Amino acid sequence: MIRFGLAVFFFWVGVDKFFDPAGIQLVYFAGVFEVLVGLSFVTGVFLRVFALVGILLLAVNAVSSGLSINTARDVGLAGGLLALTLWPERM
């Protein structure tokens, strides 16, 4: 279930970046990767790779925006992504 919750989050924020009125090229670039992370979580393809990409995106966001309430949210999301990365494939 965590996969699909994270998929909704990353897909949502990724698509939202395409409607950003600032139109900064880097924002579109991040949006593409966030949509890819979301799609990976839905399909299960390259799940661990994109979970690590998601952690990297959240870390870059935390560093660039500084400490805020969003940083606390991102720490929780990074924990979920780390769980997906370390979870055994088959139990």
PDB file of N, CA and C in Angstrom:
ATOM      1  N   MET A   1       0.810  -1.192   0.000  1.00  0.00           N
ATOM      2  CA  MET A   1       0.000   0.000   0.000  1.00  0.00           C
ATOM      3  C   MET A   1       0.862   1.268   0.000  1.00  0.00           C
ATOM      4  N   ILE A   2       2.014   1.187   0.667  1.00  0.00           N
ATOM      5  CA  ILE A   2       2.897   2.366   0.721  1.00  0.00           C
ATOM      6  C   ILE A   2       3.335   2.774  -0.681  1.00  0.00           C
ATOM      7  N   ARG A   3       3.531   1.774  -1.534  1.00  0.00           N
ATOM      8  CA  ARG A   3       3.932   2.062  -2.920  1.00  0.00           C
ATOM      9  C   ARG A   3       2.923   2.944  -3.625  1.00  0.00           C
ATOM     10  N   PHE A   4       1.662   2.634  -3.451  1.00  0.00           N
ATOM     11  CA  PHE A   4       0.631   3.375  -4.182  1.00  0.00           C
ATOM     12  C   PHE A   4       0.402   4.757  -3.581  1.00  0.00           C
ATOM     13  N   GLY A   5       0.553   4.890  -2.274  1.00  0.00           N
ATOM     14  CA  GLY A   5       0.471   6.217  -1.663  1.00  0.00           C
ATOM     15  C   GLY A   5       1.595   7.120  -2.143  1.00  0.00           C
ATOM     16  N   LEU A   6       2.800   6.576  -2.198  1.00  0.00           N
ATOM     17  CA  LEU A   6       3.934   7.345  -2.711  1.00  0.00           C
ATOM     18  C   LEU A   6       3.784   7.624  -4.208  1.00  0.00           C
ATOM     19  N   ALA A   7       3.193   6.680  -4.933  1.00  0.00           N
ATOM     20  CA  ALA A   7       2.970   6.891  -6.361  1.00  0.00           C
ATOM     21  C   ALA A   7       2.043   8.079  -6.588  1.00  0.00           C
ATOM     22  N   VAL A   8       0.971   8.155  -5.822  1.00  0.00           N
ATOM     23  CA  VAL A   8       0.034   9.275  -5.957  1.00  0.00           C
ATOM     24  C   VAL A   8       0.741  10.587  -5.641  1.00  0.00           C
ATOM     25  N   PHE A   9       1.521  10.605  -4.558  1.00  0.00           N
ATOM     26  CA  PHE A   9       2.222  11.827  -4.182  1.00  0.00           C
ATOM     27  C   PHE A   9       3.168  12.293  -5.286  1.00  0.00           C
ATOM     28  N   PHE A  10       4.048  11.404  -5.733  1.00  0.00           N
ATOM     29  CA  PHE A  10       5.051  11.808  -6.726  1.00  0.00           C
ATOM     30  C   PHE A  10       4.416  12.157  -8.067  1.00  0.00           C
ATOM     31  N   PHE A  11       3.402  11.409  -8.472  1.00  0.00           N
ATOM     32  CA  PHE A  11       2.735  11.725  -9.726  1.00  0.00           C
ATOM     33  C   PHE A  11       2.051  13.093  -9.626  1.00  0.00           C
ATOM     34  N   TRP A  12       1.401  13.337  -8.494  1.00  0.00           N
ATOM     35  CA  TRP A  12       0.687  14.601  -8.294  1.00  0.00           C
ATOM     36  C   TRP A  12       1.639  15.800  -8.331  1.00  0.00           C
ATOM     37  N   VAL A  13       2.718  15.743  -7.533  1.00  0.00           N
ATOM     38  CA  VAL A  13       3.632  16.895  -7.505  1.00  0.00           C
ATOM     39  C   VAL A  13       4.408  17.026  -8.816  1.00  0.00           C
ATOM     40  N   GLY A  14       4.646  15.903  -9.498  1.00  0.00           N
ATOM     41  CA  GLY A  14       5.334  15.968 -10.781  1.00  0.00           C
ATOM     42  C   GLY A  14       4.491  16.639 -11.845  1.00  0.00           C
ATOM     43  N   VAL A  15       3.240  16.253 -11.943  1.00  0.00           N
ATOM     44  CA  VAL A  15       2.343  16.867 -12.923  1.00  0.00           C
ATOM     45  C   VAL A  15       2.106  18.335 -12.572  1.00  0.00           C
ATOM     46  N   ASP A  16       2.010  18.637 -11.290  1.00  0.00           N
ATOM     47  CA  ASP A  16       1.794  20.020 -10.848  1.00  0.00           C
ATOM     48  C   ASP A  16       2.920  20.946 -11.306  1.00  0.00           C
ATOM     49  N   LYS A  17       4.117  20.426 -11.399  1.00  0.00           N
ATOM     50  CA  LYS A  17       5.258  21.250 -11.817  1.00  0.00           C
ATOM     51  C   LYS A  17       5.135  21.717 -13.267  1.00  0.00           C
ATOM     52  N   PHE A  18       4.387  20.983 -14.079  1.00  0.00           N
ATOM     53  CA  PHE A  18       4.197  21.400 -15.464  1.00  0.00           C
ATOM     54  C   PHE A  18       3.239  22.581 -15.586  1.00  0.00           C
ATOM     55  N   PHE A  19       2.479  22.839 -14.535  1.00  0.00           N
ATOM     56  CA  PHE A  19       1.562  23.970 -14.523  1.00  0.00           C
ATOM     57  C   PHE A  19       2.109  25.126 -13.705  1.00  0.00           C
ATOM     58  N   ASP A  20       3.403  25.062 -13.360  1.00  0.00           N
ATOM     59  CA  ASP A  20       4.051  26.112 -12.577  1.00  0.00           C
ATOM     60  C   ASP A  20       4.174  27.375 -13.425  1.00  0.00           C
ATOM     61  N   PRO A  21       3.636  28.487 -12.927  1.00  0.00           N
ATOM     62  CA  PRO A  21       3.705  29.710 -13.738  1.00  0.00           C
ATOM     63  C   PRO A  21       5.116  30.269 -13.898  1.00  0.00           C
ATOM     64  N   ALA A  22       6.049  29.886 -13.025  1.00  0.00           N
ATOM     65  CA  ALA A  22       7.419  30.387 -13.134  1.00  0.00           C
ATOM     66  C   ALA A  22       8.089  29.861 -14.406  1.00  0.00           C
ATOM     67  N   GLY A  23       7.788  28.615 -14.753  1.00  0.00           N
ATOM     68  CA  GLY A  23       8.308  28.051 -15.989  1.00  0.00           C
ATOM     69  C   GLY A  23       9.815  27.884 -16.017  1.00  0.00           C
ATOM     70  N   ILE A  24      10.428  27.652 -14.882  1.00  0.00           N
ATOM     71  CA  ILE A  24      11.876  27.456 -14.822  1.00  0.00           C
ATOM     72  C   ILE A  24      12.202  26.057 -15.356  1.00  0.00           C
ATOM     73  N   GLN A  25      13.208  25.963 -16.196  1.00  0.00           N
ATOM     74  CA  GLN A  25      13.544  24.698 -16.861  1.00  0.00           C
ATOM     75  C   GLN A  25      13.847  23.599 -15.853  1.00  0.00           C
ATOM     76  N   LEU A  26      14.505  23.939 -14.756  1.00  0.00           N
ATOM     77  CA  LEU A  26      14.852  22.936 -13.751  1.00  0.00           C
ATOM     78  C   LEU A  26      13.600  22.358 -13.088  1.00  0.00           C
ATOM     79  N   VAL A  27      12.571  23.155 -12.949  1.00  0.00           N
ATOM     80  CA  VAL A  27      11.323  22.683 -12.354  1.00  0.00           C
ATOM     81  C   VAL A  27      10.692  21.626 -13.258  1.00  0.00           C
ATOM     82  N   TYR A  28      10.693  21.857 -14.560  1.00  0.00           N
ATOM     83  CA  TYR A  28      10.159  20.869 -15.497  1.00  0.00           C
ATOM     84  C   TYR A  28      10.970  19.576 -15.451  1.00  0.00           C
ATOM     85  N   PHE A  29      12.283  19.704 -15.338  1.00  0.00           N
ATOM     86  CA  PHE A  29      13.177  18.547 -15.263  1.00  0.00           C
ATOM     87  C   PHE A  29      12.853  17.701 -14.031  1.00  0.00           C
ATOM     88  N   ALA A  30      12.670  18.363 -12.886  1.00  0.00           N
ATOM     89  CA  ALA A  30      12.305  17.650 -11.660  1.00  0.00           C
ATOM     90  C   ALA A  30      10.928  17.009 -11.808  1.00  0.00           C
ATOM     91  N   GLY A  31      10.006  17.705 -12.472  1.00  0.00           N
ATOM     92  CA  GLY A  31       8.665  17.164 -12.680  1.00  0.00           C
ATOM     93  C   GLY A  31       8.673  15.877 -13.483  1.00  0.00           C
ATOM     94  N   VAL A  32       9.526  15.818 -14.485  1.00  0.00           N
ATOM     95  CA  VAL A  32       9.632  14.598 -15.289  1.00  0.00           C
ATOM     96  C   VAL A  32      10.078  13.437 -14.411  1.00  0.00           C
ATOM     97  N   PHE A  33      11.097  13.654 -13.587  1.00  0.00           N
ATOM     98  CA  PHE A  33      11.580  12.580 -12.727  1.00  0.00           C
ATOM     99  C   PHE A  33      10.542  12.187 -11.684  1.00  0.00           C
ATOM    100  N   GLU A  34       9.800  13.150 -11.162  1.00  0.00           N
ATOM    101  CA  GLU A  34       8.770  12.815 -10.174  1.00  0.00           C
ATOM    102  C   GLU A  34       7.650  11.985 -10.804  1.00  0.00           C
ATOM    103  N   VAL A  35       7.267  12.308 -12.022  1.00  0.00           N
ATOM    104  CA  VAL A  35       6.260  11.497 -12.712  1.00  0.00           C
ATOM    105  C   VAL A  35       6.805  10.094 -12.969  1.00  0.00           C
ATOM    106  N   LEU A  36       8.073   9.992 -13.354  1.00  0.00           N
ATOM    107  CA  LEU A  36       8.677   8.673 -13.569  1.00  0.00           C
ATOM    108  C   LEU A  36       8.730   7.855 -12.280  1.00  0.00           C
ATOM    109  N   VAL A  37       9.025   8.512 -11.164  1.00  0.00           N
ATOM    110  CA  VAL A  37       9.021   7.816  -9.869  1.00  0.00           C
ATOM    111  C   VAL A  37       7.621   7.287  -9.582  1.00  0.00           C
ATOM    112  N   GLY A  38       6.617   8.132  -9.771  1.00  0.00           N
ATOM    113  CA  GLY A  38       5.241   7.701  -9.540  1.00  0.00           C
ATOM    114  C   GLY A  38       4.835   6.536 -10.428  1.00  0.00           C
ATOM    115  N   LEU A  39       5.169   6.600 -11.693  1.00  0.00           N
ATOM    116  CA  LEU A  39       4.841   5.509 -12.616  1.00  0.00           C
ATOM    117  C   LEU A  39       5.572   4.224 -12.256  1.00  0.00           C
ATOM    118  N   SER A  40       6.807   4.357 -11.800  1.00  0.00           N
ATOM    119  CA  SER A  40       7.566   3.182 -11.382  1.00  0.00           C
ATOM    120  C   SER A  40       6.905   2.499 -10.191  1.00  0.00           C
ATOM    121  N   PHE A  41       6.390   3.286  -9.266  1.00  0.00           N
ATOM    122  CA  PHE A  41       5.741   2.700  -8.095  1.00  0.00           C
ATOM    123  C   PHE A  41       4.437   2.005  -8.460  1.00  0.00           C
ATOM    124  N   VAL A  42       3.736   2.515  -9.448  1.00  0.00           N
ATOM    125  CA  VAL A  42       2.494   1.877  -9.879  1.00  0.00           C
ATOM    126  C   VAL A  42       2.790   0.573 -10.605  1.00  0.00           C
ATOM    127  N   THR A  43       3.785   0.600 -11.483  1.00  0.00           N
ATOM    128  CA  THR A  43       4.083  -0.575 -12.303  1.00  0.00           C
ATOM    129  C   THR A  43       5.019  -1.567 -11.615  1.00  0.00           C
ATOM    130  N   GLY A  44       5.825  -1.106 -10.676  1.00  0.00           N
ATOM    131  CA  GLY A  44       6.798  -1.967 -10.020  1.00  0.00           C
ATOM    132  C   GLY A  44       8.078  -2.153 -10.815  1.00  0.00           C
ATOM    133  N   VAL A  45       8.224  -1.425 -11.921  1.00  0.00           N
ATOM    134  CA  VAL A  45       9.408  -1.532 -12.778  1.00  0.00           C
ATOM    135  C   VAL A  45      10.502  -0.613 -12.237  1.00  0.00           C
ATOM    136  N   PHE A  46      11.683  -1.157 -12.026  1.00  0.00           N
ATOM    137  CA  PHE A  46      12.827  -0.424 -11.486  1.00  0.00           C
ATOM    138  C   PHE A  46      12.470   0.282 -10.177  1.00  0.00           C
ATOM    139  N   LEU A  47      11.720  -0.408  -9.346  1.00  0.00           N
ATOM    140  CA  LEU A  47      11.189   0.173  -8.115  1.00  0.00           C
ATOM    141  C   LEU A  47      12.288   0.705  -7.210  1.00  0.00           C
ATOM    142  N   ARG A  48      13.302  -0.087  -6.966  1.00  0.00           N
ATOM    143  CA  ARG A  48      14.370   0.350  -6.046  1.00  0.00           C
ATOM    144  C   ARG A  48      15.180   1.500  -6.620  1.00  0.00           C
ATOM    145  N   VAL A  49      15.427   1.475  -7.899  1.00  0.00           N
ATOM    146  CA  VAL A  49      16.183   2.559  -8.531  1.00  0.00           C
ATOM    147  C   VAL A  49      15.420   3.872  -8.386  1.00  0.00           C
ATOM    148  N   PHE A  50      14.125   3.839  -8.688  1.00  0.00           N
ATOM    149  CA  PHE A  50      13.352   5.069  -8.622  1.00  0.00           C
ATOM    150  C   PHE A  50      13.048   5.475  -7.180  1.00  0.00           C
ATOM    151  N   ALA A  51      13.056   4.529  -6.248  1.00  0.00           N
ATOM    152  CA  ALA A  51      12.938   4.907  -4.836  1.00  0.00           C
ATOM    153  C   ALA A  51      14.169   5.716  -4.420  1.00  0.00           C
ATOM    154  N   LEU A  52      15.337   5.306  -4.888  1.00  0.00           N
ATOM    155  CA  LEU A  52      16.555   6.073  -4.605  1.00  0.00           C
ATOM    156  C   LEU A  52      16.528   7.433  -5.300  1.00  0.00           C
ATOM    157  N   VAL A  53      15.998   7.479  -6.522  1.00  0.00           N
ATOM    158  CA  VAL A  53      15.844   8.760  -7.217  1.00  0.00           C
ATOM    159  C   VAL A  53      14.909   9.667  -6.423  1.00  0.00           C
ATOM    160  N   GLY A  54      13.841   9.093  -5.887  1.00  0.00           N
ATOM    161  CA  GLY A  54      12.913   9.868  -5.073  1.00  0.00           C
ATOM    162  C   GLY A  54      13.569  10.431  -3.825  1.00  0.00           C
ATOM    163  N   ILE A  55      14.407   9.634  -3.166  1.00  0.00           N
ATOM    164  CA  ILE A  55      15.140  10.114  -1.995  1.00  0.00           C
ATOM    165  C   ILE A  55      16.052  11.268  -2.393  1.00  0.00           C
ATOM    166  N   LEU A  56      16.724  11.127  -3.528  1.00  0.00           N
ATOM    167  CA  LEU A  56      17.605  12.187  -4.013  1.00  0.00           C
ATOM    168  C   LEU A  56      16.818  13.467  -4.305  1.00  0.00           C
ATOM    169  N   LEU A  57      15.661  13.343  -4.943  1.00  0.00           N
ATOM    170  CA  LEU A  57      14.828  14.511  -5.237  1.00  0.00           C
ATOM    171  C   LEU A  57      14.392  15.214  -3.944  1.00  0.00           C
ATOM    172  N   LEU A  58      14.000  14.433  -2.947  1.00  0.00           N
ATOM    173  CA  LEU A  58      13.584  15.026  -1.674  1.00  0.00           C
ATOM    174  C   LEU A  58      14.757  15.702  -0.971  1.00  0.00           C
ATOM    175  N   ALA A  59      15.938  15.102  -1.055  1.00  0.00           N
ATOM    176  CA  ALA A  59      17.117  15.703  -0.428  1.00  0.00           C
ATOM    177  C   ALA A  59      17.492  17.017  -1.106  1.00  0.00           C
ATOM    178  N   VAL A  60      17.449  17.033  -2.426  1.00  0.00           N
ATOM    179  CA  VAL A  60      17.751  18.269  -3.162  1.00  0.00           C
ATOM    180  C   VAL A  60      16.734  19.344  -2.812  1.00  0.00           C
ATOM    181  N   ASN A  61      15.480  18.962  -2.719  1.00  0.00           N
ATOM    182  CA  ASN A  61      14.432  19.908  -2.353  1.00  0.00           C
ATOM    183  C   ASN A  61      14.664  20.468  -0.950  1.00  0.00           C
ATOM    184  N   ALA A  62      15.047  19.620  -0.008  1.00  0.00           N
ATOM    185  CA  ALA A  62      15.290  20.073   1.368  1.00  0.00           C
ATOM    186  C   ALA A  62      16.471  21.025   1.433  1.00  0.00           C
ATOM    187  N   VAL A  63      17.519  20.725   0.691  1.00  0.00           N
ATOM    188  CA  VAL A  63      18.703  21.585   0.695  1.00  0.00           C
ATOM    189  C   VAL A  63      18.411  22.925   0.031  1.00  0.00           C
ATOM    190  N   SER A  64      17.674  22.891  -1.070  1.00  0.00           N
ATOM    191  CA  SER A  64      17.423  24.129  -1.804  1.00  0.00           C
ATOM    192  C   SER A  64      16.394  25.031  -1.138  1.00  0.00           C
ATOM    193  N   SER A  65      15.447  24.452  -0.413  1.00  0.00           N
ATOM    194  CA  SER A  65      14.403  25.280   0.192  1.00  0.00           C
ATOM    195  C   SER A  65      14.629  25.564   1.670  1.00  0.00           C
ATOM    196  N   GLY A  66      15.590  24.899   2.278  1.00  0.00           N
ATOM    197  CA  GLY A  66      15.862  25.132   3.694  1.00  0.00           C
ATOM    198  C   GLY A  66      14.884  24.392   4.595  1.00  0.00           C
ATOM    199  N   LEU A  67      15.055  24.571   5.895  1.00  0.00           N
ATOM    200  CA  LEU A  67      14.196  23.893   6.858  1.00  0.00           C
ATOM    201  C   LEU A  67      12.832  24.576   6.921  1.00  0.00           C
ATOM    202  N   SER A  68      11.795  23.771   6.796  1.00  0.00           N
ATOM    203  CA  SER A  68      10.429  24.267   6.885  1.00  0.00           C
ATOM    204  C   SER A  68       9.535  23.096   7.266  1.00  0.00           C
ATOM    205  N   ILE A  69       8.255  23.348   7.328  1.00  0.00           N
ATOM    206  CA  ILE A  69       7.322  22.267   7.617  1.00  0.00           C
ATOM    207  C   ILE A  69       7.333  21.234   6.494  1.00  0.00           C
ATOM    208  N   ASN A  70       7.639  21.664   5.283  1.00  0.00           N
ATOM    209  CA  ASN A  70       7.734  20.727   4.159  1.00  0.00           C
ATOM    210  C   ASN A  70       8.910  19.772   4.328  1.00  0.00           C
ATOM    211  N   THR A  71       9.951  20.221   5.004  1.00  0.00           N
ATOM    212  CA  THR A  71      11.098  19.344   5.253  1.00  0.00           C
ATOM    213  C   THR A  71      10.683  18.181   6.144  1.00  0.00           C
ATOM    214  N   ALA A  72       9.841  18.451   7.135  1.00  0.00           N
ATOM    215  CA  ALA A  72       9.346  17.382   8.007  1.00  0.00           C
ATOM    216  C   ALA A  72       8.543  16.363   7.198  1.00  0.00           C
ATOM    217  N   ARG A  73       7.724  16.833   6.284  1.00  0.00           N
ATOM    218  CA  ARG A  73       6.964  15.936   5.411  1.00  0.00           C
ATOM    219  C   ARG A  73       7.916  15.109   4.557  1.00  0.00           C
ATOM    220  N   ASP A  74       8.941  15.760   4.017  1.00  0.00           N
ATOM    221  CA  ASP A  74       9.882  15.073   3.138  1.00  0.00           C
ATOM    222  C   ASP A  74      10.690  14.006   3.874  1.00  0.00           C
ATOM    223  N   VAL A  75      10.968  14.238   5.148  1.00  0.00           N
ATOM    224  CA  VAL A  75      11.687  13.223   5.939  1.00  0.00           C
ATOM    225  C   VAL A  75      10.823  11.967   6.058  1.00  0.00           C
ATOM    226  N   GLY A  76       9.539  12.144   6.293  1.00  0.00           N
ATOM    227  CA  GLY A  76       8.632  10.995   6.360  1.00  0.00           C
ATOM    228  C   GLY A  76       8.534  10.266   5.036  1.00  0.00           C
ATOM    229  N   LEU A  77       8.445  11.022   3.952  1.00  0.00           N
ATOM    230  CA  LEU A  77       8.403  10.412   2.620  1.00  0.00           C
ATOM    231  C   LEU A  77       9.698   9.672   2.313  1.00  0.00           C
ATOM    232  N   ALA A  78      10.823  10.262   2.691  1.00  0.00           N
ATOM    233  CA  ALA A  78      12.120   9.600   2.471  1.00  0.00           C
ATOM    234  C   ALA A  78      12.199   8.294   3.260  1.00  0.00           C
ATOM    235  N   GLY A  79      11.619   8.270   4.440  1.00  0.00           N
ATOM    236  CA  GLY A  79      11.576   7.028   5.218  1.00  0.00           C
ATOM    237  C   GLY A  79      10.789   5.942   4.508  1.00  0.00           C
ATOM    238  N   GLY A  80       9.666   6.309   3.914  1.00  0.00           N
ATOM    239  CA  GLY A  80       8.893   5.348   3.132  1.00  0.00           C
ATOM    240  C   GLY A  80       9.651   4.857   1.916  1.00  0.00           C
ATOM    241  N   LEU A  81      10.354   5.767   1.262  1.00  0.00           N
ATOM    242  CA  LEU A  81      11.156   5.384   0.098  1.00  0.00           C
ATOM    243  C   LEU A  81      12.304   4.467   0.496  1.00  0.00           C
ATOM    244  N   LEU A  82      12.919   4.758   1.634  1.00  0.00           N
ATOM    245  CA  LEU A  82      14.005   3.905   2.118  1.00  0.00           C
ATOM    246  C   LEU A  82      13.479   2.508   2.455  1.00  0.00           C
ATOM    247  N   ALA A  83      12.283   2.441   3.017  1.00  0.00           N
ATOM    248  CA  ALA A  83      11.674   1.145   3.311  1.00  0.00           C
ATOM    249  C   ALA A  83      11.455   0.342   2.020  1.00  0.00           C
ATOM    250  N   LEU A  84      11.006   1.018   0.971  1.00  0.00           N
ATOM    251  CA  LEU A  84      10.829   0.327  -0.310  1.00  0.00           C
ATOM    252  C   LEU A  84      12.157  -0.149  -0.884  1.00  0.00           C
ATOM    253  N   THR A  85      13.198   0.624  -0.654  1.00  0.00           N
ATOM    254  CA  THR A  85      14.515   0.265  -1.166  1.00  0.00           C
ATOM    255  C   THR A  85      15.067  -0.964  -0.451  1.00  0.00           C
ATOM    256  N   LEU A  86      14.873  -1.037   0.843  1.00  0.00           N
ATOM    257  CA  LEU A  86      15.467  -2.110   1.646  1.00  0.00           C
ATOM    258  C   LEU A  86      14.568  -3.320   1.828  1.00  0.00           C
ATOM    259  N   TRP A  87      13.303  -3.211   1.453  1.00  0.00           N
ATOM    260  CA  TRP A  87      12.349  -4.313   1.655  1.00  0.00           C
ATOM    261  C   TRP A  87      12.724  -5.505   0.782  1.00  0.00           C
ATOM    262  N   PRO A  88      12.687  -6.725   1.339  1.00  0.00           N
ATOM    263  CA  PRO A  88      13.015  -7.906   0.523  1.00  0.00           C
ATOM    264  C   PRO A  88      12.005  -8.079  -0.614  1.00  0.00           C
ATOM    265  N   GLU A  89      12.491  -8.561  -1.748  1.00  0.00           N
ATOM    266  CA  GLU A  89      11.603  -8.733  -2.907  1.00  0.00           C
ATOM    267  C   GLU A  89      10.539  -9.796  -2.645  1.00  0.00           C
ATOM    268  N   ARG A  90      10.927 -10.871  -2.059  1.00  0.00           N
ATOM    269  CA  ARG A  90       9.989 -11.952  -1.763  1.00  0.00           C
ATOM    270  C   ARG A  90      10.144 -12.333  -0.302  1.00  0.00           C
ATOM    271  N   MET A  91       9.017 -12.604   0.303  1.00  0.00           N
ATOM    272  CA  MET A  91       9.064 -13.005   1.718  1.00  0.00           C
ATOM    273  C   MET A  91       8.707 -14.448   1.861  1.00  0.00           C
TER     274      MET A  91
END
